[in-house]
Structure formats: C-alpha cells, structure tokens
C-alpha cells in the first residue's frame, strides 16, 4: 500500500479501540458478569438473551471480533490482507445482525439504542473496508 496519511492511522486506531472494547463486551456478556449488566442497565431479559445464546451465532460474533481487531493492525503494517480481513469482519457482523434481528428478537430485547450502536459499528467496519480497498486500488493505478 502507498504512504498512509495521518487520518488513515487515526481511523485504524479508532477501529482497534472499538474492537478491543467489543472483545471486552463479548467476555463480560458471555461470562454473565452481573456488575457489567447492571452498569449498562440491562435487565433479566438481556441476561436470558445471552444465557441461551446459540453457538452458531457466537461463531459469527467471534469471526467479527477477531477480523475486526486484525484489520486495522494489518492496515498499519501495510499488508494487503487488511482488505479481505476487513471484508470478513463486515460480512460476519452483517450476517450476525440480520440473524439476531430476525431470529432472536434483538431489537425488542436490547432496545433501539443498542441496535443503532451495532449498526453504527457495522457502518464503521464497512467504511474501513472501503478505505483499505481504496488504498490497495490506488497502489495498482
């Protein structure tokens, strides 16, 4: 990839922070940390939602988190694999959201605020994929 501008590094750092927080959230939710639930004002419905969380949904969640953390690191290291990794993170998050909204009643359980936040994460991940892709395409030109 060509020389990265300062805002590319800033975007990558934001993505790292966002996905580190996502990994933290993953462990807090799936270990059923009551203090964490209370700090976010989650009630029994949310606790039940994550207590009975299907393994096949968890696979998409894990893929999203791992690829989401790897993508900005690969970008900073100027690896072209950042593009496919960012696409993988985007697709995993998209599939997870579609499935959980359709099959797990995500909106009713977690609320509009969390739903909008999750869609925002998806959009940022998509934008990062497009940015990585543009950087690689510029190099070919």
C-alpha atoms as a PDB file:
ATOM      1  CA  UNK A   1       0.000   0.000   0.000  1.00  0.00           C
ATOM      2  CA  UNK A   2       1.107   3.571  -0.617  1.00  0.00           C
ATOM      3  CA  UNK A   3       2.144   6.006   2.088  1.00  0.00           C
ATOM      4  CA  UNK A   4      -0.655   6.226   4.597  1.00  0.00           C
ATOM      5  CA  UNK A   5      -1.968   9.646   5.566  1.00  0.00           C
ATOM      6  CA  UNK A   6      -2.355  10.601   9.229  1.00  0.00           C
ATOM      7  CA  UNK A   7      -6.125  10.126   9.102  1.00  0.00           C
ATOM      8  CA  UNK A   8      -5.658   6.539   7.924  1.00  0.00           C
ATOM      9  CA  UNK A   9      -3.683   5.809  11.081  1.00  0.00           C
ATOM     10  CA  UNK A  10      -6.268   7.622  13.190  1.00  0.00           C
ATOM     11  CA  UNK A  11      -9.063   5.575  11.603  1.00  0.00           C
ATOM     12  CA  UNK A  12      -7.070   2.382  12.305  1.00  0.00           C
ATOM     13  CA  UNK A  13      -6.556   3.371  15.963  1.00  0.00           C
ATOM     14  CA  UNK A  14     -10.273   4.072  16.350  1.00  0.00           C
ATOM     15  CA  UNK A  15     -11.024   0.637  14.891  1.00  0.00           C
ATOM     16  CA  UNK A  16      -8.546  -1.030  17.271  1.00  0.00           C
ATOM     17  CA  UNK A  17     -10.146   0.707  20.252  1.00  0.00           C
ATOM     18  CA  UNK A  18     -13.640  -0.166  19.076  1.00  0.00           C
ATOM     19  CA  UNK A  19     -12.864  -3.851  18.611  1.00  0.00           C
ATOM     20  CA  UNK A  20     -10.885  -4.156  21.863  1.00  0.00           C
ATOM     21  CA  UNK A  21     -13.987  -2.810  23.608  1.00  0.00           C
ATOM     22  CA  UNK A  22     -16.074  -5.292  21.614  1.00  0.00           C
ATOM     23  CA  UNK A  23     -13.909  -8.177  22.815  1.00  0.00           C
ATOM     24  CA  UNK A  24     -14.250  -6.923  26.394  1.00  0.00           C
ATOM     25  CA  UNK A  25     -18.033  -6.742  25.943  1.00  0.00           C
ATOM     26  CA  UNK A  26     -18.041 -10.275  24.490  1.00  0.00           C
ATOM     27  CA  UNK A  27     -16.359 -11.708  27.575  1.00  0.00           C
ATOM     28  CA  UNK A  28     -18.490  -9.706  30.013  1.00  0.00           C
ATOM     29  CA  UNK A  29     -21.730 -10.749  28.335  1.00  0.00           C
ATOM     30  CA  UNK A  30     -20.900 -14.410  27.928  1.00  0.00           C
ATOM     31  CA  UNK A  31     -19.474 -14.815  31.433  1.00  0.00           C
ATOM     32  CA  UNK A  32     -22.731 -13.266  32.680  1.00  0.00           C
ATOM     33  CA  UNK A  33     -20.939 -10.592  34.691  1.00  0.00           C
ATOM     34  CA  UNK A  34     -23.741  -9.132  36.812  1.00  0.00           C
ATOM     35  CA  UNK A  35     -21.869  -5.910  37.584  1.00  0.00           C
ATOM     36  CA  UNK A  36     -21.401  -5.327  33.861  1.00  0.00           C
ATOM     37  CA  UNK A  37     -25.088  -5.977  33.177  1.00  0.00           C
ATOM     38  CA  UNK A  38     -26.077  -3.553  35.945  1.00  0.00           C
ATOM     39  CA  UNK A  39     -23.647  -0.866  34.746  1.00  0.00           C
ATOM     40  CA  UNK A  40     -25.434  -0.922  31.383  1.00  0.00           C
ATOM     41  CA  UNK A  41     -28.916  -1.093  32.933  1.00  0.00           C
ATOM     42  CA  UNK A  42     -29.566  -4.495  31.371  1.00  0.00           C
ATOM     43  CA  UNK A  43     -32.450  -6.380  32.899  1.00  0.00           C
ATOM     44  CA  UNK A  44     -33.330 -10.056  33.169  1.00  0.00           C
ATOM     45  CA  UNK A  45     -34.453 -10.198  29.530  1.00  0.00           C
ATOM     46  CA  UNK A  46     -30.927  -9.333  28.334  1.00  0.00           C
ATOM     47  CA  UNK A  47     -29.356 -11.798  30.769  1.00  0.00           C
ATOM     48  CA  UNK A  48     -31.646 -14.521  29.432  1.00  0.00           C
ATOM     49  CA  UNK A  49     -30.834 -13.498  25.843  1.00  0.00           C
ATOM     50  CA  UNK A  50     -27.113 -14.096  26.374  1.00  0.00           C
ATOM     51  CA  UNK A  51     -27.558 -17.116  28.648  1.00  0.00           C
ATOM     52  CA  UNK A  52     -29.245 -19.012  25.838  1.00  0.00           C
ATOM     53  CA  UNK A  53     -27.028 -17.600  23.067  1.00  0.00           C
ATOM     54  CA  UNK A  54     -26.747 -20.168  20.243  1.00  0.00           C
ATOM     55  CA  UNK A  55     -23.258 -21.361  19.361  1.00  0.00           C
ATOM     56  CA  UNK A  56     -23.752 -20.777  15.616  1.00  0.00           C
ATOM     57  CA  UNK A  57     -24.442 -17.070  16.277  1.00  0.00           C
ATOM     58  CA  UNK A  58     -21.385 -16.936  18.508  1.00  0.00           C
ATOM     59  CA  UNK A  59     -19.244 -18.119  15.578  1.00  0.00           C
ATOM     60  CA  UNK A  60     -20.192 -15.008  13.561  1.00  0.00           C
ATOM     61  CA  UNK A  61     -19.602 -12.816  16.626  1.00  0.00           C
ATOM     62  CA  UNK A  62     -16.117 -14.285  17.180  1.00  0.00           C
ATOM     63  CA  UNK A  63     -15.194 -14.000  13.488  1.00  0.00           C
ATOM     64  CA  UNK A  64     -16.300 -10.366  13.509  1.00  0.00           C
ATOM     65  CA  UNK A  65     -14.299  -9.551  16.636  1.00  0.00           C
ATOM     66  CA  UNK A  66     -11.103 -11.308  15.561  1.00  0.00           C
ATOM     67  CA  UNK A  67     -11.186  -9.986  11.996  1.00  0.00           C
ATOM     68  CA  UNK A  68     -12.245  -6.561  13.281  1.00  0.00           C
ATOM     69  CA  UNK A  69      -9.187  -6.380  15.521  1.00  0.00           C
ATOM     70  CA  UNK A  70      -6.831  -7.816  12.880  1.00  0.00           C
ATOM     71  CA  UNK A  71      -7.925  -5.499  10.049  1.00  0.00           C
ATOM     72  CA  UNK A  72      -6.502  -2.227  11.439  1.00  0.00           C
ATOM     73  CA  UNK A  73      -3.322  -3.967  12.613  1.00  0.00           C
ATOM     74  CA  UNK A  74      -2.770  -5.370   9.121  1.00  0.00           C
ATOM     75  CA  UNK A  75      -3.550  -1.931   7.670  1.00  0.00           C
ATOM     76  CA  UNK A  76      -0.935  -0.267   9.904  1.00  0.00           C
ATOM     77  CA  UNK A  77       1.576  -2.930   8.821  1.00  0.00           C
ATOM     78  CA  UNK A  78       0.631  -2.141   5.192  1.00  0.00           C
ATOM     79  CA  UNK A  79      -0.488  -5.679   4.453  1.00  0.00           C
ATOM     80  CA  UNK A  80      -2.906  -6.187   1.580  1.00  0.00           C
ATOM     81  CA  UNK A  81      -4.630  -8.854   3.682  1.00  0.00           C
ATOM     82  CA  UNK A  82      -6.247  -5.942   5.546  1.00  0.00           C
ATOM     83  CA  UNK A  83      -8.788  -5.722   2.714  1.00  0.00           C
ATOM     84  CA  UNK A  84     -10.058  -9.309   2.906  1.00  0.00           C
ATOM     85  CA  UNK A  85      -9.909  -9.211   6.704  1.00  0.00           C
ATOM     86  CA  UNK A  86     -11.997  -6.030   6.786  1.00  0.00           C
ATOM     87  CA  UNK A  87     -14.482  -7.570   4.360  1.00  0.00           C
ATOM     88  CA  UNK A  88     -14.671 -10.687   6.559  1.00  0.00           C
ATOM     89  CA  UNK A  89     -15.376  -8.570   9.652  1.00  0.00           C
ATOM     90  CA  UNK A  90     -18.047  -6.606   7.787  1.00  0.00           C
ATOM     91  CA  UNK A  91     -19.810  -9.684   6.436  1.00  0.00           C
ATOM     92  CA  UNK A  92     -19.688 -11.522   9.775  1.00  0.00           C
ATOM     93  CA  UNK A  93     -21.214  -8.535  11.573  1.00  0.00           C
ATOM     94  CA  UNK A  94     -23.863  -8.080   8.885  1.00  0.00           C
ATOM     95  CA  UNK A  95     -24.879 -11.751   8.993  1.00  0.00           C
ATOM     96  CA  UNK A  96     -24.927 -11.720  12.802  1.00  0.00           C
ATOM     97  CA  UNK A  97     -27.151  -8.641  12.919  1.00  0.00           C
ATOM     98  CA  UNK A  98     -29.559  -9.961  10.289  1.00  0.00           C
ATOM     99  CA  UNK A  99     -29.858 -13.315  12.053  1.00  0.00           C
ATOM    100  CA  UNK A 100     -30.250 -11.893  15.554  1.00  0.00           C
ATOM    101  CA  UNK A 101     -32.748  -9.232  14.495  1.00  0.00           C
ATOM    102  CA  UNK A 102     -34.773 -11.808  12.559  1.00  0.00           C
ATOM    103  CA  UNK A 103     -34.464 -14.870  14.777  1.00  0.00           C
ATOM    104  CA  UNK A 104     -33.571 -13.653  18.284  1.00  0.00           C
ATOM    105  CA  UNK A 105     -35.775 -10.559  18.598  1.00  0.00           C
ATOM    106  CA  UNK A 106     -32.662  -8.437  19.182  1.00  0.00           C
ATOM    107  CA  UNK A 107     -34.407  -5.082  18.831  1.00  0.00           C
ATOM    108  CA  UNK A 108     -37.057  -5.853  21.457  1.00  0.00           C
ATOM    109  CA  UNK A 109     -34.577  -7.378  23.907  1.00  0.00           C
ATOM    110  CA  UNK A 110     -31.644  -4.960  23.639  1.00  0.00           C
ATOM    111  CA  UNK A 111     -33.509  -1.825  22.612  1.00  0.00           C
ATOM    112  CA  UNK A 112     -33.190   0.793  19.913  1.00  0.00           C
ATOM    113  CA  UNK A 113     -30.062   2.407  21.373  1.00  0.00           C
ATOM    114  CA  UNK A 114     -28.036  -0.802  21.266  1.00  0.00           C
ATOM    115  CA  UNK A 115     -29.437  -1.629  17.812  1.00  0.00           C
ATOM    116  CA  UNK A 116     -28.357   1.755  16.434  1.00  0.00           C
ATOM    117  CA  UNK A 117     -24.948   1.404  18.096  1.00  0.00           C
ATOM    118  CA  UNK A 118     -24.482  -2.028  16.491  1.00  0.00           C
ATOM    119  CA  UNK A 119     -25.499  -0.720  13.070  1.00  0.00           C
ATOM    120  CA  UNK A 120     -23.030   2.147  13.587  1.00  0.00           C
ATOM    121  CA  UNK A 121     -20.252  -0.368  14.287  1.00  0.00           C
ATOM    122  CA  UNK A 122     -21.228  -2.221  11.115  1.00  0.00           C
ATOM    123  CA  UNK A 123     -21.092   1.008   9.088  1.00  0.00           C
ATOM    124  CA  UNK A 124     -17.675   1.962  10.511  1.00  0.00           C
ATOM    125  CA  UNK A 125     -16.371  -1.504   9.706  1.00  0.00           C
ATOM    126  CA  UNK A 126     -17.755  -1.221   6.168  1.00  0.00           C
ATOM    127  CA  UNK A 127     -16.156   2.226   5.762  1.00  0.00           C
ATOM    128  CA  UNK A 128     -12.828   0.854   6.955  1.00  0.00           C
ATOM    129  CA  UNK A 129     -13.085  -1.981   4.420  1.00  0.00           C
ATOM    130  CA  UNK A 130     -13.799   0.540   1.641  1.00  0.00           C
ATOM    131  CA  UNK A 131     -10.885   2.706   2.788  1.00  0.00           C
ATOM    132  CA  UNK A 132      -8.487  -0.284   2.826  1.00  0.00           C
ATOM    133  CA  UNK A 133      -9.729  -1.352  -0.596  1.00  0.00           C
ATOM    134  CA  UNK A 134      -9.229   2.152  -1.989  1.00  0.00           C
ATOM    135  CA  UNK A 135      -5.670   2.233  -0.653  1.00  0.00           C
ATOM    136  CA  UNK A 136      -4.837  -1.061  -2.388  1.00  0.00           C
ATOM    137  CA  UNK A 137      -6.528   0.004  -5.653  1.00  0.00           C
ATOM    138  CA  UNK A 138      -4.578   3.288  -5.628  1.00  0.00           C
ATOM    139  CA  UNK A 139      -1.376   1.307  -5.391  1.00  0.00           C
ATOM    140  CA  UNK A 140      -2.271  -0.646  -8.533  1.00  0.00           C
ATOM    141  CA  UNK A 141      -3.024   2.534 -10.505  1.00  0.00           C
END
